[in-house]
Protein backbone atom coordinates (compact mmCIF):
# COMPACT_ATOMS: atom_id res chain seq x y z
CA UNK A 1 15.13 3.24 -82.73
CA UNK A 2 12.23 5.41 -81.22
CA UNK A 3 9.65 4.16 -79.29
CA UNK A 4 6.40 5.27 -80.65
CA UNK A 5 4.81 5.08 -77.13
CA UNK A 6 6.89 7.89 -77.12
CA UNK A 7 6.07 9.48 -80.01
CA UNK A 8 9.68 9.85 -81.68
CA UNK A 9 11.15 10.76 -78.88
CA UNK A 10 14.15 9.65 -77.20
CA UNK A 11 13.95 7.78 -73.43
CA UNK A 12 16.59 10.83 -71.99
CA UNK A 13 14.21 13.22 -72.33
CA UNK A 14 11.39 12.03 -72.01
CA UNK A 15 12.98 11.28 -68.47
CA UNK A 16 13.97 14.46 -68.27
CA UNK A 17 10.41 16.21 -68.95
CA UNK A 18 8.92 13.80 -65.78
CA UNK A 19 11.62 14.97 -63.82
CA UNK A 20 11.03 18.63 -64.50
CA UNK A 21 7.69 17.80 -63.88
CA UNK A 22 7.77 16.20 -60.71
CA UNK A 23 10.67 16.17 -58.62
CA UNK A 24 9.80 13.85 -55.77
CA UNK A 25 10.22 11.27 -58.99
CA UNK A 26 13.98 11.65 -58.73
CA UNK A 27 16.40 8.97 -56.64
CA UNK A 28 18.40 11.50 -54.57
CA UNK A 29 20.97 8.56 -53.80
CA UNK A 30 21.26 7.96 -57.91
CA UNK A 31 24.95 9.97 -59.90
CA UNK A 32 24.72 9.69 -63.19
CA UNK A 33 26.82 7.62 -65.26
CA UNK A 34 30.87 8.57 -64.91
CA UNK A 35 32.44 9.17 -68.02
CA UNK A 36 35.26 8.08 -67.44
CA UNK A 37 34.40 4.15 -67.08
CA UNK A 38 32.61 3.60 -70.27
CA UNK A 39 35.94 3.85 -72.46
CA UNK A 40 38.17 1.81 -69.81
CA UNK A 41 35.15 -1.42 -69.52
CA UNK A 42 34.93 -1.35 -74.17
CA UNK A 43 39.17 -1.31 -73.10
CA UNK A 44 38.94 -4.63 -71.19
CA UNK A 45 35.91 -6.29 -73.23
CA UNK A 46 38.16 -5.93 -76.54
CA UNK A 47 41.02 -7.55 -74.96
CA UNK A 48 38.71 -10.19 -73.46
CA UNK A 49 37.95 -10.63 -76.67
CA UNK A 50 41.87 -11.51 -77.81
CA UNK A 51 43.12 -14.11 -75.08
CA UNK A 52 43.41 -17.50 -76.85
CA UNK A 53 41.45 -20.54 -75.90
CA UNK A 54 43.04 -23.73 -75.87
CA UNK A 55 41.79 -26.39 -77.72
CA UNK A 56 39.96 -28.81 -75.96
């Protein structure tokens, strides 16, 4: 759901506009997320849900 304060735009769109307007706001040490990490993380989560729990 889009936020009203963003006037229907996604947070990523607003961020890109602000960084284009003021490049000094960008953190030079920040790197974009690795797209290969998410599928592996989802596999780990799925396998963790399948673990049987001992009776207590």
